[in-house]
Amino acid sequence: MDRRRLLQLAGAFLASGAAPGALFAQKAPITMVVPFPPGGGGDILARTVSLPFSEALDEKVVILNRPGAGGNIGTAQVAKARPDGATIGYVTNGIMCVNAHLYDQQSFDPLKDLEPVAGLTSIGLVLAVSPKALPDVRSAADLVRLAKSRPGEIAFASAGPGTTSHLAGILFEREAGIDLNHIPHAGGAAAVKEVLAGRVPFLIDVMPNLLPHLRAGTLRPLAVTTPERSALLPEVPAMAQAGFPGVTLYAWDGIAAPKGFDEGEAMRLAKAAEAALADKAVGERLLRMGAEPQFRGPADFKRFIDTEAAKWRPLALMARAQR
């Protein structure tokens, strides 16, 4: 733009009564780095919340997908960003509590280099079997009896080594006293596909991945890993009710910022996230996907992460030992 045109625009703007300097005061969009591929479960959850979050902030929030290394690539970008409010990140239990124990080289420490801003949702898992592969298995106890009669033979699918579905399988093995055959896949969709086909008998995966197939009857739910029954599957018992109280596990997600992020700004973002989750349409959409809105402010989210880190660590180390 030439100088004459710029002066004309500035004159017109000032003549309108706007505050001096406001012509250049427009904020750049906030970038929310989602460290997963577009269209995946994490991406869909992040985008479901991002629009009402943006509206509550009265600022534009742009999603930037940076997938790879279980979420480490995108999250490293957040950890190394300036703590000026321009960059925030979508984080999960895997990113905050698991990856550090699985990867030999990680360029950041999630518990030291990120500031928790807001917890968003909790996501239950479902133990589901293929009716094709296991037509007579109709309860978790049935599955355990079968596994004990054929140690090391009954396989379960996962989205890959160290993923939540793998760790849930490890926890089930440990608490039920059984020996299973882990079959890792390149992502949750591939794992579900193999169980649907009956080539792998069962899996324990997050509800968003399984609900359509459970509703269609192509997978049979045996139990949920949440502390109590899920409103989405009220007829399915919790693991504790099925006789395995130690198999209580759920995934979760939230928002984090680079270390040194301003506390006041963190609270502002947290209040916007709380408002987004309180929106009835947003809450209903999340629940249909299998994610329960569960807001946590900065301090509460940090305490929660510290507690969860202690729970996920031994499972992550067991997964690493199996590689």
C-alpha atoms as a PDB file:
ATOM      1  CA  MET A   1       0.000   0.000   0.000  1.00  0.00           C
ATOM      2  CA  ASP A   2       1.465   3.419  -0.950  1.00  0.00           C
ATOM      3  CA  ARG A   3       1.906   6.253   1.563  1.00  0.00           C
ATOM      4  CA  ARG A   4      -0.860   8.419   0.103  1.00  0.00           C
ATOM      5  CA  ARG A   5      -3.453   5.615   0.334  1.00  0.00           C
ATOM      6  CA  LEU A   6      -2.366   4.783   3.883  1.00  0.00           C
ATOM      7  CA  LEU A   7      -2.830   8.416   4.963  1.00  0.00           C
ATOM      8  CA  GLN A   8      -6.267   8.516   3.365  1.00  0.00           C
ATOM      9  CA  LEU A   9      -7.345   5.398   5.256  1.00  0.00           C
ATOM     10  CA  ALA A  10      -5.936   6.701   8.526  1.00  0.00           C
ATOM     11  CA  GLY A  11      -7.737  10.026   8.073  1.00  0.00           C
ATOM     12  CA  ALA A  12     -11.028   8.349   7.349  1.00  0.00           C
ATOM     13  CA  PHE A  13     -10.611   6.061  10.353  1.00  0.00           C
ATOM     14  CA  LEU A  14      -9.846   8.925  12.732  1.00  0.00           C
ATOM     15  CA  ALA A  15     -12.735  10.964  11.348  1.00  0.00           C
ATOM     16  CA  SER A  16     -15.053   8.121  12.335  1.00  0.00           C
ATOM     17  CA  GLY A  17     -14.260   8.771  16.013  1.00  0.00           C
ATOM     18  CA  ALA A  18     -12.287   5.613  16.638  1.00  0.00           C
ATOM     19  CA  ALA A  19      -9.496   5.687  19.196  1.00  0.00           C
ATOM     20  CA  PRO A  20      -6.080   6.717  17.836  1.00  0.00           C
ATOM     21  CA  GLY A  21      -3.904   3.695  17.115  1.00  0.00           C
ATOM     22  CA  ALA A  22      -6.844   1.310  16.822  1.00  0.00           C
ATOM     23  CA  LEU A  23      -6.173   0.961  13.101  1.00  0.00           C
ATOM     24  CA  PHE A  24      -3.132  -1.157  14.011  1.00  0.00           C
ATOM     25  CA  ALA A  25      -4.459  -2.663  17.250  1.00  0.00           C
ATOM     26  CA  GLN A  26      -6.213  -5.667  15.745  1.00  0.00           C
ATOM     27  CA  LYS A  27      -4.936  -8.814  17.446  1.00  0.00           C
ATOM     28  CA  ALA A  28      -3.482 -11.638  15.435  1.00  0.00           C
ATOM     29  CA  PRO A  29      -5.412 -14.935  15.720  1.00  0.00           C
ATOM     30  CA  ILE A  30      -4.537 -17.300  18.546  1.00  0.00           C
ATOM     31  CA  THR A  31      -3.030 -20.488  17.149  1.00  0.00           C
ATOM     32  CA  MET A  32      -4.176 -23.692  18.812  1.00  0.00           C
ATOM     33  CA  VAL A  33      -1.764 -26.454  17.829  1.00  0.00           C
ATOM     34  CA  VAL A  34      -3.529 -29.817  17.558  1.00  0.00           C
ATOM     35  CA  PRO A  35      -0.788 -32.480  17.432  1.00  0.00           C
ATOM     36  CA  PHE A  36      -2.946 -35.004  15.584  1.00  0.00           C
ATOM     37  CA  PRO A  37      -4.045 -35.466  11.959  1.00  0.00           C
ATOM     38  CA  PRO A  38      -7.094 -33.628  10.590  1.00  0.00           C
ATOM     39  CA  GLY A  39     -10.267 -35.666  10.928  1.00  0.00           C
ATOM     40  CA  GLY A  40      -9.011 -37.850  13.775  1.00  0.00           C
ATOM     41  CA  GLY A  41     -10.711 -38.144  17.153  1.00  0.00           C
ATOM     42  CA  GLY A  42      -8.507 -35.565  18.876  1.00  0.00           C
ATOM     43  CA  ASP A  43      -8.864 -33.116  16.005  1.00  0.00           C
ATOM     44  CA  ILE A  44     -12.667 -33.413  15.998  1.00  0.00           C
ATOM     45  CA  LEU A  45     -12.855 -32.872  19.769  1.00  0.00           C
ATOM     46  CA  ALA A  46     -10.565 -29.848  19.568  1.00  0.00           C
ATOM     47  CA  ARG A  47     -12.559 -28.298  16.721  1.00  0.00           C
ATOM     48  CA  THR A  48     -15.853 -28.918  18.504  1.00  0.00           C
ATOM     49  CA  VAL A  49     -14.680 -26.721  21.369  1.00  0.00           C
ATOM     50  CA  SER A  50     -12.556 -24.218  19.408  1.00  0.00           C
ATOM     51  CA  LEU A  51     -15.392 -22.239  17.788  1.00  0.00           C
ATOM     52  CA  PRO A  52     -17.394 -21.512  20.970  1.00  0.00           C
ATOM     53  CA  PHE A  53     -14.067 -20.958  22.753  1.00  0.00           C
ATOM     54  CA  SER A  54     -13.179 -18.356  20.122  1.00  0.00           C
ATOM     55  CA  GLU A  55     -16.593 -16.715  20.466  1.00  0.00           C
ATOM     56  CA  ALA A  56     -16.282 -16.536  24.258  1.00  0.00           C
ATOM     57  CA  LEU A  57     -12.856 -14.911  23.896  1.00  0.00           C
ATOM     58  CA  ASP A  58     -14.096 -12.586  21.153  1.00  0.00           C
ATOM     59  CA  GLU A  59     -10.880 -13.467  19.331  1.00  0.00           C
ATOM     60  CA  LYS A  60     -10.166 -15.680  16.363  1.00  0.00           C
ATOM     61  CA  VAL A  61      -8.694 -19.083  17.215  1.00  0.00           C
ATOM     62  CA  VAL A  62      -7.042 -20.961  14.352  1.00  0.00           C
ATOM     63  CA  ILE A  63      -6.418 -24.726  14.484  1.00  0.00           C
ATOM     64  CA  LEU A  64      -2.981 -25.804  13.280  1.00  0.00           C
ATOM     65  CA  ASN A  65      -2.527 -29.566  12.857  1.00  0.00           C
ATOM     66  CA  ARG A  66       1.019 -30.771  13.561  1.00  0.00           C
ATOM     67  CA  PRO A  67       0.788 -34.584  13.883  1.00  0.00           C
ATOM     68  CA  GLY A  68       3.554 -37.065  14.559  1.00  0.00           C
ATOM     69  CA  ALA A  69       5.339 -39.044  17.285  1.00  0.00           C
ATOM     70  CA  GLY A  70       2.207 -39.586  19.343  1.00  0.00           C
ATOM     71  CA  GLY A  71       1.592 -35.866  19.610  1.00  0.00           C
ATOM     72  CA  ASN A  72       5.162 -34.911  20.508  1.00  0.00           C
ATOM     73  CA  ILE A  73       5.936 -32.942  17.336  1.00  0.00           C
ATOM     74  CA  GLY A  74       3.086 -30.483  17.668  1.00  0.00           C
ATOM     75  CA  THR A  75       3.383 -30.203  21.432  1.00  0.00           C
ATOM     76  CA  ALA A  76       7.112 -29.430  21.142  1.00  0.00           C
ATOM     77  CA  GLN A  77       6.142 -26.452  18.983  1.00  0.00           C
ATOM     78  CA  VAL A  78       3.909 -25.204  21.805  1.00  0.00           C
ATOM     79  CA  ALA A  79       6.532 -25.812  24.494  1.00  0.00           C
ATOM     80  CA  LYS A  80       9.110 -23.806  22.529  1.00  0.00           C
ATOM     81  CA  ALA A  81       6.775 -20.942  21.609  1.00  0.00           C
ATOM     82  CA  ARG A  82       6.912 -17.530  23.252  1.00  0.00           C
ATOM     83  CA  PRO A  83       4.521 -17.379  26.235  1.00  0.00           C
ATOM     84  CA  ASP A  84       2.792 -14.306  24.815  1.00  0.00           C
ATOM     85  CA  GLY A  85      -0.671 -15.763  24.217  1.00  0.00           C
ATOM     86  CA  ALA A  86      -0.211 -16.276  20.491  1.00  0.00           C
ATOM     87  CA  THR A  87       0.235 -20.055  20.709  1.00  0.00           C
ATOM     88  CA  ILE A  88      -1.579 -22.620  22.830  1.00  0.00           C
ATOM     89  CA  GLY A  89      -1.872 -26.386  22.479  1.00  0.00           C
ATOM     90  CA  TYR A  90      -4.442 -29.144  22.657  1.00  0.00           C
ATOM     91  CA  VAL A  91      -3.118 -31.843  25.006  1.00  0.00           C
ATOM     92  CA  THR A  92      -4.163 -35.313  26.118  1.00  0.00           C
ATOM     93  CA  ASN A  93      -3.311 -37.849  28.808  1.00  0.00           C
ATOM     94  CA  GLY A  94      -0.916 -39.485  26.349  1.00  0.00           C
ATOM     95  CA  ILE A  95       0.983 -36.267  25.721  1.00  0.00           C
ATOM     96  CA  MET A  96       1.138 -35.161  29.338  1.00  0.00           C
ATOM     97  CA  CYS A  97       1.571 -38.475  31.166  1.00  0.00           C
ATOM     98  CA  VAL A  98       2.671 -41.283  28.825  1.00  0.00           C
ATOM     99  CA  ASN A  99       4.958 -40.195  25.988  1.00  0.00           C
ATOM    100  CA  ALA A 100       7.853 -39.170  28.201  1.00  0.00           C
ATOM    101  CA  HIS A 101       8.186 -42.806  29.297  1.00  0.00           C
ATOM    102  CA  LEU A 102       7.962 -44.222  25.774  1.00  0.00           C
ATOM    103  CA  TYR A 103      10.279 -42.046  23.698  1.00  0.00           C
ATOM    104  CA  ASP A 104      14.037 -42.117  24.219  1.00  0.00           C
ATOM    105  CA  GLN A 105      14.516 -38.561  23.021  1.00  0.00           C
ATOM    106  CA  GLN A 106      11.956 -35.885  23.701  1.00  0.00           C
ATOM    107  CA  SER A 107      12.835 -32.218  23.267  1.00  0.00           C
ATOM    108  CA  PHE A 108      10.556 -31.033  26.064  1.00  0.00           C
ATOM    109  CA  ASP A 109       9.224 -32.118  29.455  1.00  0.00           C
ATOM    110  CA  PRO A 110       5.426 -31.760  29.424  1.00  0.00           C
ATOM    111  CA  LEU A 111       5.198 -31.372  33.192  1.00  0.00           C
ATOM    112  CA  LYS A 112       7.891 -28.678  33.290  1.00  0.00           C
ATOM    113  CA  ASP A 113       7.644 -26.893  29.938  1.00  0.00           C
ATOM    114  CA  LEU A 114       3.871 -26.495  29.646  1.00  0.00           C
ATOM    115  CA  GLU A 115       1.388 -24.532  31.727  1.00  0.00           C
ATOM    116  CA  PRO A 116      -2.002 -26.260  32.178  1.00  0.00           C
ATOM    117  CA  VAL A 117      -4.775 -23.832  31.206  1.00  0.00           C
ATOM    118  CA  ALA A 118      -8.041 -25.775  31.120  1.00  0.00           C
ATOM    119  CA  GLY A 119      -9.276 -29.341  31.280  1.00  0.00           C
ATOM    120  CA  LEU A 120     -11.986 -29.992  28.700  1.00  0.00           C
ATOM    121  CA  THR A 121     -13.413 -33.513  28.683  1.00  0.00           C
ATOM    122  CA  SER A 122     -13.057 -37.017  30.052  1.00  0.00           C
ATOM    123  CA  ILE A 123     -13.451 -39.941  27.674  1.00  0.00           C
ATOM    124  CA  GLY A 124     -14.425 -43.397  28.827  1.00  0.00           C
ATOM    125  CA  LEU A 125     -13.215 -46.610  27.226  1.00  0.00           C
ATOM    126  CA  VAL A 126     -15.213 -49.688  26.303  1.00  0.00           C
ATOM    127  CA  LEU A 127     -14.207 -53.343  26.387  1.00  0.00           C
ATOM    128  CA  ALA A 128     -15.784 -54.615  23.175  1.00  0.00           C
ATOM    129  CA  VAL A 129     -15.617 -57.965  21.406  1.00  0.00           C
ATOM    130  CA  SER A 130     -16.264 -59.094  17.862  1.00  0.00           C
ATOM    131  CA  PRO A 131     -19.439 -61.227  17.705  1.00  0.00           C
ATOM    132  CA  LYS A 132     -17.829 -62.942  14.725  1.00  0.00           C
ATOM    133  CA  ALA A 133     -14.753 -64.005  16.665  1.00  0.00           C
ATOM    134  CA  LEU A 134     -16.267 -64.554  20.114  1.00  0.00           C
ATOM    135  CA  PRO A 135     -19.990 -65.290  19.652  1.00  0.00           C
ATOM    136  CA  ASP A 136     -20.377 -66.852  23.102  1.00  0.00           C
ATOM    137  CA  VAL A 137     -18.540 -64.184  25.094  1.00  0.00           C
ATOM    138  CA  ARG A 138     -21.137 -61.896  26.648  1.00  0.00           C
ATOM    139  CA  SER A 139     -19.428 -60.543  29.748  1.00  0.00           C
ATOM    140  CA  ALA A 140     -15.996 -59.509  30.957  1.00  0.00           C
ATOM    141  CA  ALA A 141     -16.001 -62.588  33.194  1.00  0.00           C
ATOM    142  CA  ASP A 142     -16.628 -64.797  30.150  1.00  0.00           C
ATOM    143  CA  LEU A 143     -13.652 -63.233  28.382  1.00  0.00           C
ATOM    144  CA  VAL A 144     -11.392 -63.694  31.395  1.00  0.00           C
ATOM    145  CA  ARG A 145     -12.375 -67.361  31.756  1.00  0.00           C
ATOM    146  CA  LEU A 146     -11.605 -67.918  28.082  1.00  0.00           C
ATOM    147  CA  ALA A 147      -8.241 -66.137  28.364  1.00  0.00           C
ATOM    148  CA  LYS A 148      -7.283 -68.203  31.412  1.00  0.00           C
ATOM    149  CA  SER A 149      -8.091 -71.399  29.546  1.00  0.00           C
ATOM    150  CA  ARG A 150      -5.901 -70.335  26.604  1.00  0.00           C
ATOM    151  CA  PRO A 151      -3.010 -68.296  28.057  1.00  0.00           C
ATOM    152  CA  GLY A 152      -1.232 -66.088  25.554  1.00  0.00           C
ATOM    153  CA  GLU A 153      -3.614 -66.985  22.727  1.00  0.00           C
ATOM    154  CA  ILE A 154      -6.485 -64.502  22.979  1.00  0.00           C
ATOM    155  CA  ALA A 155      -5.489 -61.323  21.165  1.00  0.00           C
ATOM    156  CA  PHE A 156      -6.511 -57.729  21.645  1.00  0.00           C
ATOM    157  CA  ALA A 157      -6.051 -54.906  19.170  1.00  0.00           C
ATOM    158  CA  SER A 158      -4.662 -51.463  19.917  1.00  0.00           C
ATOM    159  CA  ALA A 159      -4.003 -48.231  18.064  1.00  0.00           C
ATOM    160  CA  GLY A 160      -0.275 -48.841  18.509  1.00  0.00           C
ATOM    161  CA  PRO A 161       2.367 -49.383  21.199  1.00  0.00           C
ATOM    162  CA  GLY A 162       1.910 -47.058  24.146  1.00  0.00           C
ATOM    163  CA  THR A 163      -1.489 -45.747  23.066  1.00  0.00           C
ATOM    164  CA  THR A 164      -4.371 -45.530  25.508  1.00  0.00           C
ATOM    165  CA  SER A 165      -5.941 -48.666  24.009  1.00  0.00           C
ATOM    166  CA  HIS A 166      -2.676 -50.575  24.545  1.00  0.00           C
ATOM    167  CA  LEU A 167      -2.296 -49.368  28.134  1.00  0.00           C
ATOM    168  CA  ALA A 168      -5.909 -50.274  28.867  1.00  0.00           C
ATOM    169  CA  GLY A 169      -5.188 -53.800  27.642  1.00  0.00           C
ATOM    170  CA  ILE A 170      -2.140 -54.008  29.896  1.00  0.00           C
ATOM    171  CA  LEU A 171      -4.196 -52.862  32.877  1.00  0.00           C
ATOM    172  CA  PHE A 172      -6.893 -55.440  32.101  1.00  0.00           C
ATOM    173  CA  GLU A 173      -4.261 -58.198  31.896  1.00  0.00           C
ATOM    174  CA  ARG A 174      -2.722 -57.178  35.184  1.00  0.00           C
ATOM    175  CA  GLU A 175      -5.947 -56.812  37.145  1.00  0.00           C
ATOM    176  CA  ALA A 176      -7.627 -59.926  35.729  1.00  0.00           C
ATOM    177  CA  GLY A 177      -4.517 -62.098  36.060  1.00  0.00           C
ATOM    178  CA  ILE A 178      -4.498 -63.161  32.416  1.00  0.00           C
ATOM    179  CA  ASP A 179      -1.963 -63.354  29.591  1.00  0.00           C
ATOM    180  CA  LEU A 180      -3.104 -61.775  26.310  1.00  0.00           C
ATOM    181  CA  ASN A 181      -1.560 -61.386  22.867  1.00  0.00           C
ATOM    182  CA  HIS A 182      -1.207 -57.700  21.952  1.00  0.00           C
ATOM    183  CA  ILE A 183      -1.698 -56.872  18.244  1.00  0.00           C
ATOM    184  CA  PRO A 184      -0.732 -53.216  17.597  1.00  0.00           C
ATOM    185  CA  HIS A 185      -2.066 -51.320  14.577  1.00  0.00           C
ATOM    186  CA  ALA A 186      -1.327 -48.041  12.831  1.00  0.00           C
ATOM    187  CA  GLY A 187      -4.041 -46.032  14.533  1.00  0.00           C
ATOM    188  CA  GLY A 188      -7.430 -46.565  16.122  1.00  0.00           C
ATOM    189  CA  ALA A 189      -9.352 -46.895  12.852  1.00  0.00           C
ATOM    190  CA  ALA A 190      -7.159 -49.786  11.713  1.00  0.00           C
ATOM    191  CA  ALA A 191      -7.545 -51.553  15.063  1.00  0.00           C
ATOM    192  CA  VAL A 192     -11.323 -51.222  15.009  1.00  0.00           C
ATOM    193  CA  LYS A 193     -11.435 -52.491  11.412  1.00  0.00           C
ATOM    194  CA  GLU A 194      -9.607 -55.690  12.369  1.00  0.00           C
ATOM    195  CA  VAL A 195     -11.942 -56.368  15.294  1.00  0.00           C
ATOM    196  CA  LEU A 196     -15.016 -55.664  13.148  1.00  0.00           C
ATOM    197  CA  ALA A 197     -13.757 -58.243  10.665  1.00  0.00           C
ATOM    198  CA  GLY A 198     -13.193 -60.756  13.467  1.00  0.00           C
ATOM    199  CA  ARG A 199      -9.502 -61.088  12.712  1.00  0.00           C
ATOM    200  CA  VAL A 200      -8.699 -59.844  16.229  1.00  0.00           C
ATOM    201  CA  PRO A 201     -11.201 -60.867  18.931  1.00  0.00           C
ATOM    202  CA  PHE A 202     -11.463 -57.707  21.036  1.00  0.00           C
ATOM    203  CA  LEU A 203     -10.132 -54.319  22.058  1.00  0.00           C
ATOM    204  CA  ILE A 204     -10.513 -51.704  24.769  1.00  0.00           C
ATOM    205  CA  ASP A 205     -10.777 -48.299  23.145  1.00  0.00           C
ATOM    206  CA  VAL A 206     -12.204 -44.830  23.667  1.00  0.00           C
ATOM    207  CA  MET A 207     -15.940 -44.371  23.164  1.00  0.00           C
ATOM    208  CA  PRO A 208     -15.703 -41.954  20.208  1.00  0.00           C
ATOM    209  CA  ASN A 209     -14.013 -44.713  18.181  1.00  0.00           C
ATOM    210  CA  LEU A 210     -16.494 -47.433  19.108  1.00  0.00           C
ATOM    211  CA  LEU A 211     -19.939 -45.921  19.652  1.00  0.00           C
ATOM    212  CA  PRO A 212     -21.126 -46.124  16.000  1.00  0.00           C
ATOM    213  CA  HIS A 213     -20.248 -49.817  15.852  1.00  0.00           C
ATOM    214  CA  LEU A 214     -21.746 -50.556  19.261  1.00  0.00           C
ATOM    215  CA  ARG A 215     -24.977 -48.883  18.220  1.00  0.00           C
ATOM    216  CA  ALA A 216     -24.988 -50.812  14.947  1.00  0.00           C
ATOM    217  CA  GLY A 217     -24.458 -54.109  16.776  1.00  0.00           C
ATOM    218  CA  THR A 218     -21.276 -54.937  14.873  1.00  0.00           C
ATOM    219  CA  LEU A 219     -19.321 -54.837  18.128  1.00  0.00           C
ATOM    220  CA  ARG A 220     -20.576 -56.142  21.481  1.00  0.00           C
ATOM    221  CA  PRO A 221     -19.832 -54.037  24.594  1.00  0.00           C
ATOM    222  CA  LEU A 222     -18.925 -55.981  27.719  1.00  0.00           C
ATOM    223  CA  ALA A 223     -17.939 -53.231  30.166  1.00  0.00           C
ATOM    224  CA  VAL A 224     -16.888 -49.587  30.402  1.00  0.00           C
ATOM    225  CA  THR A 225     -13.766 -48.442  32.217  1.00  0.00           C
ATOM    226  CA  THR A 226     -15.361 -45.407  33.862  1.00  0.00           C
ATOM    227  CA  PRO A 227     -15.978 -45.549  37.630  1.00  0.00           C
ATOM    228  CA  GLU A 228     -19.735 -45.896  37.015  1.00  0.00           C
ATOM    229  CA  ARG A 229     -21.958 -46.806  34.077  1.00  0.00           C
ATOM    230  CA  SER A 230     -21.954 -44.385  31.184  1.00  0.00           C
ATOM    231  CA  ALA A 231     -25.118 -42.490  30.270  1.00  0.00           C
ATOM    232  CA  LEU A 232     -24.263 -43.330  26.658  1.00  0.00           C
ATOM    233  CA  LEU A 233     -24.311 -47.086  27.361  1.00  0.00           C
ATOM    234  CA  PRO A 234     -26.530 -47.414  30.437  1.00  0.00           C
ATOM    235  CA  GLU A 235     -27.074 -51.140  29.903  1.00  0.00           C
ATOM    236  CA  VAL A 236     -23.319 -51.864  29.998  1.00  0.00           C
ATOM    237  CA  PRO A 237     -21.731 -52.404  33.446  1.00  0.00           C
ATOM    238  CA  ALA A 238     -18.662 -50.600  34.655  1.00  0.00           C
ATOM    239  CA  MET A 239     -15.582 -52.779  35.075  1.00  0.00           C
ATOM    240  CA  ALA A 240     -15.947 -52.478  38.841  1.00  0.00           C
ATOM    241  CA  GLN A 241     -19.489 -53.877  38.601  1.00  0.00           C
ATOM    242  CA  ALA A 242     -18.213 -56.647  36.332  1.00  0.00           C
ATOM    243  CA  GLY A 243     -15.790 -57.763  39.027  1.00  0.00           C
ATOM    244  CA  PHE A 244     -12.651 -55.869  38.019  1.00  0.00           C
ATOM    245  CA  PRO A 245     -12.524 -52.681  40.128  1.00  0.00           C
ATOM    246  CA  GLY A 246      -8.870 -52.068  39.289  1.00  0.00           C
ATOM    247  CA  VAL A 247      -9.694 -51.543  35.609  1.00  0.00           C
ATOM    248  CA  THR A 248     -10.826 -47.947  36.000  1.00  0.00           C
ATOM    249  CA  LEU A 249      -9.312 -45.734  33.364  1.00  0.00           C
ATOM    250  CA  TYR A 250     -10.337 -42.888  31.110  1.00  0.00           C
ATOM    251  CA  ALA A 251      -8.701 -40.623  28.599  1.00  0.00           C
ATOM    252  CA  TRP A 252      -8.893 -36.845  28.862  1.00  0.00           C
ATOM    253  CA  ASP A 253      -7.910 -33.684  27.050  1.00  0.00           C
ATOM    254  CA  GLY A 254      -7.348 -30.001  27.641  1.00  0.00           C
ATOM    255  CA  ILE A 255      -5.499 -26.834  26.734  1.00  0.00           C
ATOM    256  CA  ALA A 256      -1.932 -25.948  27.701  1.00  0.00           C
ATOM    257  CA  ALA A 257       0.394 -23.018  27.033  1.00  0.00           C
ATOM    258  CA  PRO A 258       4.171 -22.473  27.018  1.00  0.00           C
ATOM    259  CA  LYS A 259       5.943 -22.178  30.370  1.00  0.00           C
ATOM    260  CA  GLY A 260       5.883 -18.634  31.709  1.00  0.00           C
ATOM    261  CA  PHE A 261       2.380 -17.952  30.423  1.00  0.00           C
ATOM    262  CA  ASP A 262       0.718 -15.055  32.248  1.00  0.00           C
ATOM    263  CA  GLU A 263      -1.604 -16.229  35.048  1.00  0.00           C
ATOM    264  CA  GLY A 264      -4.214 -13.614  34.264  1.00  0.00           C
ATOM    265  CA  GLU A 265      -4.237 -14.612  30.608  1.00  0.00           C
ATOM    266  CA  ALA A 266      -4.506 -18.269  31.594  1.00  0.00           C
ATOM    267  CA  MET A 267      -7.574 -17.470  33.684  1.00  0.00           C
ATOM    268  CA  ARG A 268      -9.099 -15.514  30.798  1.00  0.00           C
ATOM    269  CA  LEU A 269      -8.645 -18.476  28.464  1.00  0.00           C
ATOM    270  CA  ALA A 270      -9.945 -20.876  31.104  1.00  0.00           C
ATOM    271  CA  LYS A 271     -13.137 -18.860  31.571  1.00  0.00           C
ATOM    272  CA  ALA A 272     -13.676 -18.903  27.807  1.00  0.00           C
ATOM    273  CA  ALA A 273     -13.206 -22.692  27.789  1.00  0.00           C
ATOM    274  CA  GLU A 274     -15.674 -23.031  30.657  1.00  0.00           C
ATOM    275  CA  ALA A 275     -18.218 -20.947  28.754  1.00  0.00           C
ATOM    276  CA  ALA A 276     -17.702 -23.069  25.630  1.00  0.00           C
ATOM    277  CA  LEU A 277     -18.319 -26.304  27.544  1.00  0.00           C
ATOM    278  CA  ALA A 278     -21.395 -24.817  29.204  1.00  0.00           C
ATOM    279  CA  ASP A 279     -23.000 -24.268  25.785  1.00  0.00           C
ATOM    280  CA  LYS A 280     -25.807 -26.835  25.575  1.00  0.00           C
ATOM    281  CA  ALA A 281     -25.256 -27.630  21.890  1.00  0.00           C
ATOM    282  CA  VAL A 282     -21.528 -28.146  22.454  1.00  0.00           C
ATOM    283  CA  GLY A 283     -22.137 -30.394  25.441  1.00  0.00           C
ATOM    284  CA  GLU A 284     -24.649 -32.504  23.532  1.00  0.00           C
ATOM    285  CA  ARG A 285     -22.323 -32.872  20.571  1.00  0.00           C
ATOM    286  CA  LEU A 286     -19.430 -33.949  22.786  1.00  0.00           C
ATOM    287  CA  LEU A 287     -21.620 -36.477  24.591  1.00  0.00           C
ATOM    288  CA  ARG A 288     -22.817 -37.956  21.295  1.00  0.00           C
ATOM    289  CA  MET A 289     -19.154 -38.553  20.456  1.00  0.00           C
ATOM    290  CA  GLY A 290     -18.526 -40.212  23.817  1.00  0.00           C
ATOM    291  CA  ALA A 291     -16.707 -37.327  25.527  1.00  0.00           C
ATOM    292  CA  GLU A 292     -18.072 -35.906  28.778  1.00  0.00           C
ATOM    293  CA  PRO A 293     -17.536 -32.149  29.300  1.00  0.00           C
ATOM    294  CA  GLN A 294     -15.475 -31.759  32.465  1.00  0.00           C
ATOM    295  CA  PHE A 295     -14.022 -28.301  32.949  1.00  0.00           C
ATOM    296  CA  ARG A 296     -10.980 -27.754  35.142  1.00  0.00           C
ATOM    297  CA  GLY A 297      -9.328 -24.390  35.723  1.00  0.00           C
ATOM    298  CA  PRO A 298      -5.531 -23.887  35.612  1.00  0.00           C
ATOM    299  CA  ALA A 299      -4.731 -24.889  39.198  1.00  0.00           C
ATOM    300  CA  ASP A 300      -7.216 -27.763  39.278  1.00  0.00           C
ATOM    301  CA  PHE A 301      -6.022 -29.046  35.890  1.00  0.00           C
ATOM    302  CA  LYS A 302      -2.397 -28.999  37.079  1.00  0.00           C
ATOM    303  CA  ARG A 303      -3.241 -30.990  40.225  1.00  0.00           C
ATOM    304  CA  PHE A 304      -5.242 -33.438  38.138  1.00  0.00           C
ATOM    305  CA  ILE A 305      -2.346 -33.947  35.682  1.00  0.00           C
ATOM    306  CA  ASP A 306       0.100 -34.572  38.544  1.00  0.00           C
ATOM    307  CA  THR A 307      -2.217 -37.252  39.964  1.00  0.00           C
ATOM    308  CA  GLU A 308      -2.800 -38.833  36.549  1.00  0.00           C
ATOM    309  CA  ALA A 309       0.930 -38.887  35.770  1.00  0.00           C
ATOM    310  CA  ALA A 310       1.503 -41.198  38.723  1.00  0.00           C
ATOM    311  CA  LYS A 311      -1.274 -43.520  37.512  1.00  0.00           C
ATOM    312  CA  TRP A 312      -0.201 -43.726  33.855  1.00  0.00           C
ATOM    313  CA  ARG A 313       3.564 -44.043  34.473  1.00  0.00           C
ATOM    314  CA  PRO A 314       3.683 -47.755  35.462  1.00  0.00           C
ATOM    315  CA  LEU A 315       1.460 -48.704  32.522  1.00  0.00           C
ATOM    316  CA  ALA A 316       3.668 -46.736  30.139  1.00  0.00           C
ATOM    317  CA  LEU A 317       6.783 -48.433  31.479  1.00  0.00           C
ATOM    318  CA  MET A 318       5.174 -51.847  31.053  1.00  0.00           C
ATOM    319  CA  ALA A 319       4.289 -50.931  27.453  1.00  0.00           C
ATOM    320  CA  ARG A 320       7.875 -49.842  26.852  1.00  0.00           C
ATOM    321  CA  ALA A 321       9.193 -53.122  28.232  1.00  0.00           C
ATOM    322  CA  GLN A 322       7.045 -55.035  25.747  1.00  0.00           C
ATOM    323  CA  ARG A 323       8.547 -53.313  22.703  1.00  0.00           C
END
